């Protein structure tokens, strides 16, 4: 039997859907994998040949935001995210989207 999420030491603990427009103005949708690490949480996403990893943050939300900020630095726009999986539990797309304002 797997350990409950709260006891899991390290590894992927949540998956968040991220979507928006890429630098070529094409729609994209990918998963941000949120991992628990010794110092907190970090997120990463792969888009074509690009892998973006956020900074280590104290909360899951801050880890997801860190990935979004790095995507924005690469020119991604109109980004929004929502959690899709907590551990193995699928959230059935019931979570609310979180919109991120574009950087000027």
N, C-alpha and C. Protein backbone atom coordinates (compact mmCIF):
# COMPACT_ATOMS: atom_id res chain seq x y z
N UNK A 1 0.84 -1.19 0.00
CA UNK A 1 0.00 0.00 0.00
C UNK A 1 0.88 1.24 0.00
N UNK A 2 0.66 2.19 -0.93
CA UNK A 2 1.51 3.40 -0.97
C UNK A 2 1.27 4.28 0.25
N UNK A 3 2.30 5.03 0.60
CA UNK A 3 2.19 5.97 1.72
C UNK A 3 1.22 7.09 1.38
N UNK A 4 0.47 7.60 2.37
CA UNK A 4 -0.35 8.79 2.12
C UNK A 4 0.53 9.94 1.66
N UNK A 5 -0.06 10.82 0.88
CA UNK A 5 0.66 11.95 0.31
C UNK A 5 1.44 12.73 1.36
N UNK A 6 0.85 12.96 2.52
CA UNK A 6 1.49 13.78 3.54
C UNK A 6 2.75 13.14 4.11
N UNK A 7 2.91 11.83 3.93
CA UNK A 7 4.09 11.15 4.46
C UNK A 7 5.15 10.94 3.39
N UNK A 8 4.81 11.17 2.15
CA UNK A 8 5.75 10.96 1.06
C UNK A 8 6.92 11.93 1.19
N UNK A 9 8.12 11.41 1.16
CA UNK A 9 9.30 12.24 1.38
C UNK A 9 9.61 13.12 0.16
N UNK A 10 9.88 12.50 -0.97
CA UNK A 10 10.25 13.26 -2.16
C UNK A 10 9.62 12.62 -3.38
N UNK A 11 9.55 13.39 -4.48
CA UNK A 11 8.99 12.89 -5.73
C UNK A 11 7.76 13.69 -6.14
N UNK A 12 7.17 13.31 -7.29
CA UNK A 12 6.00 14.02 -7.82
C UNK A 12 4.80 13.81 -6.90
N UNK A 13 4.20 14.92 -6.46
CA UNK A 13 3.05 14.81 -5.57
C UNK A 13 1.79 15.43 -6.18
N UNK A 14 1.95 16.33 -7.14
CA UNK A 14 0.80 16.91 -7.83
C UNK A 14 1.15 17.15 -9.28
N UNK A 15 0.09 17.20 -10.10
CA UNK A 15 0.26 17.56 -11.50
C UNK A 15 -0.76 18.64 -11.81
N UNK A 16 -0.29 19.77 -12.36
CA UNK A 16 -1.15 20.90 -12.68
C UNK A 16 -1.17 21.08 -14.19
N UNK A 17 -2.36 21.33 -14.73
CA UNK A 17 -2.48 21.64 -16.15
C UNK A 17 -2.13 23.11 -16.34
N UNK A 18 -1.33 23.38 -17.37
CA UNK A 18 -0.99 24.75 -17.73
C UNK A 18 -1.34 24.92 -19.21
N UNK A 19 -1.97 26.05 -19.53
CA UNK A 19 -2.27 26.32 -20.93
C UNK A 19 -2.17 27.81 -21.19
N UNK A 20 -2.04 28.14 -22.46
CA UNK A 20 -1.91 29.52 -22.87
C UNK A 20 -1.43 29.58 -24.31
N UNK A 21 -0.68 30.63 -24.61
CA UNK A 21 -0.15 30.83 -25.96
C UNK A 21 1.37 30.78 -25.91
N UNK A 22 1.97 30.07 -26.85
CA UNK A 22 3.43 30.00 -26.89
C UNK A 22 3.99 31.23 -27.61
N UNK A 23 5.32 31.39 -27.65
CA UNK A 23 5.90 32.58 -28.29
C UNK A 23 5.53 32.74 -29.77
N UNK A 24 5.13 31.65 -30.44
CA UNK A 24 4.71 31.71 -31.86
C UNK A 24 3.21 31.97 -31.97
N UNK A 25 2.56 32.29 -30.84
CA UNK A 25 1.13 32.57 -30.78
C UNK A 25 0.28 31.35 -31.10
N UNK A 26 0.78 30.17 -30.71
CA UNK A 26 0.02 28.92 -30.85
C UNK A 26 -0.47 28.52 -29.46
N UNK A 27 -1.68 27.97 -29.40
CA UNK A 27 -2.23 27.47 -28.14
C UNK A 27 -1.40 26.27 -27.68
N UNK A 28 -1.17 26.16 -26.36
CA UNK A 28 -0.50 24.98 -25.83
C UNK A 28 -1.19 24.55 -24.54
N UNK A 29 -1.05 23.26 -24.22
CA UNK A 29 -1.54 22.69 -22.97
C UNK A 29 -0.57 21.60 -22.55
N UNK A 30 -0.04 21.70 -21.35
CA UNK A 30 0.93 20.73 -20.84
C UNK A 30 0.66 20.50 -19.36
N UNK A 31 1.45 19.62 -18.75
CA UNK A 31 1.37 19.36 -17.32
C UNK A 31 2.61 19.89 -16.62
N UNK A 32 2.40 20.59 -15.51
CA UNK A 32 3.49 20.97 -14.62
C UNK A 32 3.54 19.88 -13.55
N UNK A 33 4.68 19.21 -13.44
CA UNK A 33 4.86 18.20 -12.41
C UNK A 33 5.43 18.89 -11.18
N UNK A 34 4.74 18.78 -10.07
CA UNK A 34 5.19 19.39 -8.81
C UNK A 34 5.82 18.29 -7.97
N UNK A 35 7.08 18.53 -7.60
CA UNK A 35 7.83 17.55 -6.81
C UNK A 35 8.13 18.09 -5.43
N UNK A 36 8.04 17.21 -4.45
CA UNK A 36 8.51 17.55 -3.11
C UNK A 36 10.00 17.26 -3.08
N UNK A 37 10.77 18.23 -2.63
CA UNK A 37 12.21 18.07 -2.46
C UNK A 37 12.54 18.40 -1.00
N UNK A 38 13.77 18.14 -0.61
CA UNK A 38 14.14 18.33 0.79
C UNK A 38 13.85 19.75 1.28
N UNK A 39 14.02 20.77 0.42
CA UNK A 39 13.86 22.16 0.83
C UNK A 39 12.46 22.72 0.60
N UNK A 40 11.53 21.95 0.01
CA UNK A 40 10.19 22.46 -0.27
C UNK A 40 9.60 21.79 -1.49
N UNK A 41 9.24 22.62 -2.50
CA UNK A 41 8.59 22.12 -3.71
C UNK A 41 9.20 22.78 -4.93
N UNK A 42 9.21 22.05 -6.02
CA UNK A 42 9.66 22.60 -7.30
C UNK A 42 8.78 22.03 -8.41
N UNK A 43 8.60 22.80 -9.46
CA UNK A 43 7.77 22.37 -10.58
C UNK A 43 8.57 22.38 -11.86
N UNK A 44 8.13 21.57 -12.83
CA UNK A 44 8.78 21.57 -14.13
C UNK A 44 7.75 21.23 -15.21
N UNK A 45 8.02 21.72 -16.40
CA UNK A 45 7.15 21.46 -17.55
C UNK A 45 8.04 21.32 -18.78
N UNK A 46 7.61 20.43 -19.70
CA UNK A 46 8.32 20.27 -20.97
C UNK A 46 7.40 20.78 -22.08
N UNK A 47 7.99 21.59 -22.98
CA UNK A 47 7.23 22.06 -24.15
C UNK A 47 8.16 21.96 -25.35
N UNK A 48 7.85 21.04 -26.23
CA UNK A 48 8.70 20.74 -27.38
C UNK A 48 10.12 20.49 -26.87
N UNK A 49 11.13 21.23 -27.33
CA UNK A 49 12.51 20.98 -26.89
C UNK A 49 12.87 21.74 -25.62
N UNK A 50 11.93 22.50 -25.07
CA UNK A 50 12.19 23.34 -23.91
C UNK A 50 11.73 22.65 -22.63
N UNK A 51 12.61 22.58 -21.63
CA UNK A 51 12.23 22.12 -20.30
C UNK A 51 12.43 23.29 -19.35
N UNK A 52 11.38 23.63 -18.63
CA UNK A 52 11.42 24.76 -17.70
C UNK A 52 11.23 24.21 -16.29
N UNK A 53 12.18 24.56 -15.42
CA UNK A 53 12.10 24.15 -14.02
C UNK A 53 12.08 25.39 -13.16
N UNK A 54 11.10 25.46 -12.28
CA UNK A 54 10.98 26.61 -11.39
C UNK A 54 11.94 26.51 -10.21
N UNK A 55 11.98 27.57 -9.44
CA UNK A 55 12.81 27.62 -8.23
C UNK A 55 12.16 26.79 -7.13
N UNK A 56 12.96 26.40 -6.15
CA UNK A 56 12.42 25.70 -4.98
C UNK A 56 11.67 26.71 -4.13
N UNK A 57 10.44 26.37 -3.78
CA UNK A 57 9.55 27.28 -3.04
C UNK A 57 8.96 26.56 -1.83
N UNK A 58 8.45 27.32 -0.85
CA UNK A 58 7.91 26.70 0.36
C UNK A 58 6.51 26.10 0.19
N UNK A 59 5.78 26.50 -0.87
CA UNK A 59 4.42 25.98 -1.09
C UNK A 59 4.27 25.48 -2.53
N UNK A 60 3.27 24.63 -2.73
CA UNK A 60 2.99 24.10 -4.06
C UNK A 60 2.57 25.23 -5.00
N UNK A 61 1.70 26.13 -4.53
CA UNK A 61 1.27 27.25 -5.36
C UNK A 61 2.41 28.13 -5.81
N UNK A 62 3.35 28.40 -4.92
CA UNK A 62 4.51 29.22 -5.27
C UNK A 62 5.40 28.49 -6.28
N UNK A 63 5.50 27.17 -6.17
CA UNK A 63 6.30 26.39 -7.12
C UNK A 63 5.69 26.46 -8.52
N UNK A 64 4.36 26.35 -8.61
CA UNK A 64 3.68 26.46 -9.91
C UNK A 64 3.87 27.87 -10.47
N UNK A 65 3.71 28.89 -9.64
CA UNK A 65 3.90 30.28 -10.09
C UNK A 65 5.31 30.52 -10.60
N UNK A 66 6.29 29.89 -9.98
CA UNK A 66 7.68 30.04 -10.41
C UNK A 66 7.88 29.50 -11.83
N UNK A 67 7.23 28.38 -12.15
CA UNK A 67 7.31 27.83 -13.51
C UNK A 67 6.64 28.78 -14.49
N UNK A 68 5.47 29.31 -14.12
CA UNK A 68 4.74 30.24 -15.00
C UNK A 68 5.60 31.47 -15.27
N UNK A 69 6.24 32.02 -14.25
CA UNK A 69 7.09 33.20 -14.44
C UNK A 69 8.21 32.92 -15.43
N UNK A 70 8.80 31.73 -15.35
CA UNK A 70 9.88 31.38 -16.29
C UNK A 70 9.33 31.22 -17.71
N UNK A 71 8.13 30.62 -17.84
CA UNK A 71 7.52 30.53 -19.16
C UNK A 71 7.28 31.92 -19.74
N UNK A 72 6.82 32.85 -18.90
CA UNK A 72 6.59 34.23 -19.36
C UNK A 72 7.89 34.88 -19.82
N UNK A 73 8.99 34.57 -19.16
CA UNK A 73 10.29 35.11 -19.59
C UNK A 73 10.66 34.62 -20.98
N UNK A 74 10.19 33.43 -21.36
CA UNK A 74 10.44 32.89 -22.70
C UNK A 74 9.44 33.41 -23.73
N UNK A 75 8.45 34.20 -23.30
CA UNK A 75 7.49 34.79 -24.23
C UNK A 75 6.13 34.13 -24.26
N UNK A 76 5.84 33.22 -23.34
CA UNK A 76 4.52 32.61 -23.28
C UNK A 76 3.54 33.62 -22.67
N UNK A 77 2.29 33.62 -23.15
CA UNK A 77 1.29 34.58 -22.70
C UNK A 77 -0.04 33.87 -22.41
N UNK A 78 -0.97 34.64 -21.82
CA UNK A 78 -2.33 34.17 -21.53
C UNK A 78 -2.33 32.83 -20.80
N UNK A 79 -1.45 32.71 -19.82
CA UNK A 79 -1.26 31.45 -19.10
C UNK A 79 -2.28 31.31 -17.97
N UNK A 80 -2.77 30.09 -17.82
CA UNK A 80 -3.61 29.75 -16.68
C UNK A 80 -3.27 28.33 -16.26
N UNK A 81 -3.51 28.04 -14.97
CA UNK A 81 -3.21 26.71 -14.44
C UNK A 81 -4.34 26.24 -13.54
N UNK A 82 -4.38 24.92 -13.32
CA UNK A 82 -5.26 24.33 -12.32
C UNK A 82 -4.70 22.95 -11.96
N UNK A 83 -4.90 22.54 -10.71
CA UNK A 83 -4.43 21.20 -10.34
C UNK A 83 -5.30 20.14 -11.00
N UNK A 84 -4.67 19.09 -11.53
CA UNK A 84 -5.40 17.98 -12.14
C UNK A 84 -5.27 16.69 -11.33
N UNK A 85 -4.12 16.50 -10.67
CA UNK A 85 -3.90 15.30 -9.86
C UNK A 85 -3.26 15.70 -8.55
N UNK A 86 -3.75 15.14 -7.46
CA UNK A 86 -3.09 15.20 -6.15
C UNK A 86 -2.72 13.77 -5.84
N UNK A 87 -1.43 13.46 -5.91
CA UNK A 87 -1.01 12.07 -5.81
C UNK A 87 -1.59 11.30 -6.98
N UNK A 88 -2.29 10.20 -6.70
CA UNK A 88 -2.92 9.41 -7.76
C UNK A 88 -4.37 9.83 -8.00
N UNK A 89 -4.88 10.75 -7.20
CA UNK A 89 -6.30 11.13 -7.28
C UNK A 89 -6.53 12.16 -8.37
N UNK A 90 -7.33 11.78 -9.36
CA UNK A 90 -7.69 12.69 -10.45
C UNK A 90 -8.79 13.62 -9.97
N UNK A 91 -8.64 14.91 -10.19
CA UNK A 91 -9.60 15.88 -9.70
C UNK A 91 -10.74 16.15 -10.66
N UNK A 92 -10.78 15.40 -11.76
CA UNK A 92 -11.91 15.43 -12.71
C UNK A 92 -12.21 16.84 -13.22
N UNK A 93 -11.18 17.63 -13.38
CA UNK A 93 -11.31 18.98 -13.95
C UNK A 93 -12.31 19.83 -13.19
N UNK A 94 -12.45 19.60 -11.88
CA UNK A 94 -13.39 20.37 -11.06
C UNK A 94 -12.73 21.59 -10.43
N UNK A 95 -11.42 21.66 -10.49
CA UNK A 95 -10.71 22.77 -9.86
C UNK A 95 -10.85 24.04 -10.69
N UNK A 96 -10.75 25.18 -10.03
CA UNK A 96 -10.87 26.48 -10.69
C UNK A 96 -9.55 26.85 -11.36
N UNK A 97 -9.64 27.45 -12.54
CA UNK A 97 -8.46 27.94 -13.23
C UNK A 97 -7.91 29.16 -12.49
N UNK A 98 -6.60 29.28 -12.47
CA UNK A 98 -5.91 30.46 -11.94
C UNK A 98 -5.24 31.15 -13.11
N UNK A 99 -5.67 32.36 -13.41
CA UNK A 99 -5.11 33.13 -14.53
C UNK A 99 -3.94 33.96 -14.07
N UNK A 100 -2.91 34.05 -14.91
CA UNK A 100 -1.72 34.83 -14.61
C UNK A 100 -1.67 36.01 -15.59
N UNK A 101 -1.60 37.23 -15.09
CA UNK A 101 -1.53 38.38 -16.00
C UNK A 101 -0.22 38.35 -16.78
N UNK A 102 -0.32 38.75 -18.06
CA UNK A 102 0.88 38.82 -18.90
C UNK A 102 1.83 39.88 -18.37
N UNK A 103 3.10 39.62 -18.56
CA UNK A 103 4.13 40.60 -18.17
C UNK A 103 4.21 41.67 -19.25
N UNK A 104 4.34 42.94 -18.86
CA UNK A 104 4.40 44.01 -19.87
C UNK A 104 5.66 43.93 -20.72
